[in-house]
């Protein structure tokens, strides 16, 4: 029984961190495209 309460929050945190990292990557690529698009 003690394994369930520890596993569920960890999975939720992992999924949230993955979505955060993916959104950060998208923001970075968008910023790079905006800043680099003018110079090219």
PDB file of N, CA and C in Angstrom:
ATOM      1  N   UNK A   1       0.819  -1.230   0.000  1.00  0.00           N
ATOM      2  CA  UNK A   1       0.000   0.000   0.000  1.00  0.00           C
ATOM      3  C   UNK A   1       0.852   1.279   0.000  1.00  0.00           C
ATOM      4  N   UNK A   2       1.938   1.352   0.719  1.00  0.00           N
ATOM      5  CA  UNK A   2       2.713   2.615   0.751  1.00  0.00           C
ATOM      6  C   UNK A   2       3.335   2.956  -0.603  1.00  0.00           C
ATOM      7  N   UNK A   3       3.348   2.004  -1.522  1.00  0.00           N
ATOM      8  CA  UNK A   3       3.963   2.290  -2.831  1.00  0.00           C
ATOM      9  C   UNK A   3       3.043   3.175  -3.680  1.00  0.00           C
ATOM     10  N   UNK A   4       1.734   3.023  -3.540  1.00  0.00           N
ATOM     11  CA  UNK A   4       0.802   3.797  -4.369  1.00  0.00           C
ATOM     12  C   UNK A   4       0.930   5.306  -4.127  1.00  0.00           C
ATOM     13  N   UNK A   5       0.845   5.783  -2.894  1.00  0.00           N
ATOM     14  CA  UNK A   5       0.917   7.243  -2.675  1.00  0.00           C
ATOM     15  C   UNK A   5       2.236   7.836  -3.158  1.00  0.00           C
ATOM     16  N   UNK A   6       3.313   7.062  -3.179  1.00  0.00           N
ATOM     17  CA  UNK A   6       4.594   7.614  -3.620  1.00  0.00           C
ATOM     18  C   UNK A   6       4.717   7.561  -5.138  1.00  0.00           C
ATOM     19  N   UNK A   7       4.094   6.555  -5.757  1.00  0.00           N
ATOM     20  CA  UNK A   7       4.222   6.408  -7.213  1.00  0.00           C
ATOM     21  C   UNK A   7       3.339   7.419  -7.948  1.00  0.00           C
ATOM     22  N   UNK A   8       2.117   7.621  -7.462  1.00  0.00           N
ATOM     23  CA  UNK A   8       1.194   8.499  -8.188  1.00  0.00           C
ATOM     24  C   UNK A   8       1.711   9.940  -8.270  1.00  0.00           C
ATOM     25  N   UNK A   9       2.096  10.578  -7.174  1.00  0.00           N
ATOM     26  CA  UNK A   9       2.588  11.961  -7.275  1.00  0.00           C
ATOM     27  C   UNK A   9       3.835  12.055  -8.143  1.00  0.00           C
ATOM     28  N   UNK A  10       4.675  11.022  -8.109  1.00  0.00           N
ATOM     29  CA  UNK A  10       5.905  11.071  -8.914  1.00  0.00           C
ATOM     30  C   UNK A  10       5.549  11.050 -10.398  1.00  0.00           C
ATOM     31  N   UNK A  11       4.591  10.194 -10.778  1.00  0.00           N
ATOM     32  CA  UNK A  11       4.186  10.148 -12.180  1.00  0.00           C
ATOM     33  C   UNK A  11       3.573  11.485 -12.602  1.00  0.00           C
ATOM     34  N   UNK A  12       2.771  12.054 -11.731  1.00  0.00           N
ATOM     35  CA  UNK A  12       2.146  13.338 -12.056  1.00  0.00           C
ATOM     36  C   UNK A  12       3.219  14.408 -12.219  1.00  0.00           C
ATOM     37  N   UNK A  13       4.213  14.401 -11.329  1.00  0.00           N
ATOM     38  CA  UNK A  13       5.285  15.397 -11.414  1.00  0.00           C
ATOM     39  C   UNK A  13       6.090  15.191 -12.693  1.00  0.00           C
ATOM     40  N   UNK A  14       6.348  13.926 -13.045  1.00  0.00           N
ATOM     41  CA  UNK A  14       7.111  13.646 -14.266  1.00  0.00           C
ATOM     42  C   UNK A  14       6.358  14.170 -15.488  1.00  0.00           C
ATOM     43  N   UNK A  15       5.067  13.928 -15.556  1.00  0.00           N
ATOM     44  CA  UNK A  15       4.296  14.385 -16.710  1.00  0.00           C
ATOM     45  C   UNK A  15       4.276  15.912 -16.756  1.00  0.00           C
ATOM     46  N   UNK A  16       4.119  16.554 -15.590  1.00  0.00           N
ATOM     47  CA  UNK A  16       4.103  18.019 -15.566  1.00  0.00           C
ATOM     48  C   UNK A  16       5.450  18.575 -15.994  1.00  0.00           C
ATOM     49  N   UNK A  17       6.540  17.973 -15.516  1.00  0.00           N
ATOM     50  CA  UNK A  17       7.870  18.467 -15.885  1.00  0.00           C
ATOM     51  C   UNK A  17       8.102  18.264 -17.375  1.00  0.00           C
ATOM     52  N   UNK A  18       7.606  17.154 -17.928  1.00  0.00           N
ATOM     53  CA  UNK A  18       7.786  16.905 -19.360  1.00  0.00           C
ATOM     54  C   UNK A  18       7.039  17.955 -20.178  1.00  0.00           C
ATOM     55  N   UNK A  19       5.826  18.288 -19.781  1.00  0.00           N
ATOM     56  CA  UNK A  19       5.067  19.296 -20.525  1.00  0.00           C
ATOM     57  C   UNK A  19       5.744  20.661 -20.376  1.00  0.00           C
ATOM     58  N   UNK A  20       6.281  20.937 -19.186  1.00  0.00           N
ATOM     59  CA  UNK A  20       6.970  22.218 -18.972  1.00  0.00           C
ATOM     60  C   UNK A  20       8.199  22.310 -19.866  1.00  0.00           C
ATOM     61  N   UNK A  21       8.986  21.231 -19.936  1.00  0.00           N
ATOM     62  CA  UNK A  21      10.199  21.259 -20.750  1.00  0.00           C
ATOM     63  C   UNK A  21       9.835  21.396 -22.229  1.00  0.00           C
ATOM     64  N   UNK A  22       8.788  20.705 -22.657  1.00  0.00           N
ATOM     65  CA  UNK A  22       8.389  20.785 -24.070  1.00  0.00           C
ATOM     66  C   UNK A  22       7.915  22.204 -24.396  1.00  0.00           C
ATOM     67  N   UNK A  23       7.157  22.830 -23.499  1.00  0.00           N
ATOM     68  CA  UNK A  23       6.687  24.192 -23.745  1.00  0.00           C
ATOM     69  C   UNK A  23       7.868  25.158 -23.743  1.00  0.00           C
ATOM     70  N   UNK A  24       8.842  24.923 -22.843  1.00  0.00           N
ATOM     71  CA  UNK A  24      10.027  25.786 -22.818  1.00  0.00           C
ATOM     72  C   UNK A  24      10.798  25.652 -24.121  1.00  0.00           C
ATOM     73  N   UNK A  25      10.927  24.431 -24.628  1.00  0.00           N
ATOM     74  CA  UNK A  25      11.633  24.229 -25.901  1.00  0.00           C
ATOM     75  C   UNK A  25      10.905  24.951 -27.025  1.00  0.00           C
ATOM     76  N   UNK A  26       9.566  24.868 -27.030  1.00  0.00           N
ATOM     77  CA  UNK A  26       8.797  25.553 -28.071  1.00  0.00           C
ATOM     78  C   UNK A  26       9.012  27.061 -27.979  1.00  0.00           C
ATOM     79  N   UNK A  27       8.992  27.606 -26.765  1.00  0.00           N
ATOM     80  CA  UNK A  27       9.216  29.043 -26.589  1.00  0.00           C
ATOM     81  C   UNK A  27      10.611  29.426 -27.062  1.00  0.00           C
ATOM     82  N   UNK A  28      11.608  28.601 -26.718  1.00  0.00           N
ATOM     83  CA  UNK A  28      12.982  28.896 -27.149  1.00  0.00           C
ATOM     84  C   UNK A  28      13.080  28.908 -28.665  1.00  0.00           C
ATOM     85  N   UNK A  29      12.509  27.889 -29.312  1.00  0.00           N
ATOM     86  CA  UNK A  29      12.575  27.819 -30.780  1.00  0.00           C
ATOM     87  C   UNK A  29      11.842  29.011 -31.392  1.00  0.00           C
ATOM     88  N   UNK A  30      10.703  29.406 -30.814  1.00  0.00           N
ATOM     89  CA  UNK A  30       9.955  30.545 -31.342  1.00  0.00           C
ATOM     90  C   UNK A  30      10.786  31.819 -31.205  1.00  0.00           C
ATOM     91  N   UNK A  31      11.411  32.006 -30.042  1.00  0.00           N
ATOM     92  CA  UNK A  31      12.238  33.202 -29.835  1.00  0.00           C
ATOM     93  C   UNK A  31      13.409  33.199 -30.813  1.00  0.00           C
ATOM     94  N   UNK A  32      14.036  32.030 -31.004  1.00  0.00           N
ATOM     95  CA  UNK A  32      15.167  31.938 -31.938  1.00  0.00           C
ATOM     96  C   UNK A  32      14.709  32.267 -33.351  1.00  0.00           C
ATOM     97  N   UNK A  33      13.533  31.761 -33.729  1.00  0.00           N
ATOM     98  CA  UNK A  33      13.024  32.029 -35.078  1.00  0.00           C
ATOM     99  C   UNK A  33      12.745  33.522 -35.247  1.00  0.00           C
ATOM    100  N   UNK A  34      12.182  34.152 -34.217  1.00  0.00           N
ATOM    101  CA  UNK A  34      11.847  35.582 -34.316  1.00  0.00           C
ATOM    102  C   UNK A  34      13.116  36.426 -34.368  1.00  0.00           C
ATOM    103  N   UNK A  35      14.084  36.114 -33.506  1.00  0.00           N
ATOM    104  CA  UNK A  35      15.305  36.923 -33.455  1.00  0.00           C
ATOM    105  C   UNK A  35      16.206  36.616 -34.644  1.00  0.00           C
ATOM    106  N   UNK A  36      16.228  35.343 -35.098  1.00  0.00           N
ATOM    107  CA  UNK A  36      17.104  34.968 -36.208  1.00  0.00           C
ATOM    108  C   UNK A  36      16.448  35.214 -37.564  1.00  0.00           C
ATOM    109  N   UNK A  37      15.134  35.298 -37.594  1.00  0.00           N
ATOM    110  CA  UNK A  37      14.450  35.485 -38.877  1.00  0.00           C
ATOM    111  C   UNK A  37      14.719  36.864 -39.464  1.00  0.00           C
ATOM    112  N   UNK A  38      14.923  37.874 -38.606  1.00  0.00           N
ATOM    113  CA  UNK A  38      15.156  39.222 -39.123  1.00  0.00           C
ATOM    114  C   UNK A  38      16.550  39.349 -39.733  1.00  0.00           C
ATOM    115  N   UNK A  39      17.524  38.666 -39.136  1.00  0.00           N
ATOM    116  CA  UNK A  39      18.907  38.809 -39.614  1.00  0.00           C
ATOM    117  C   UNK A  39      19.124  38.045 -40.919  1.00  0.00           C
ATOM    118  N   UNK A  40      18.446  36.916 -41.097  1.00  0.00           N
ATOM    119  CA  UNK A  40      18.697  36.114 -42.292  1.00  0.00           C
ATOM    120  C   UNK A  40      18.101  36.777 -43.533  1.00  0.00           C
TER     121      UNK A  40
END
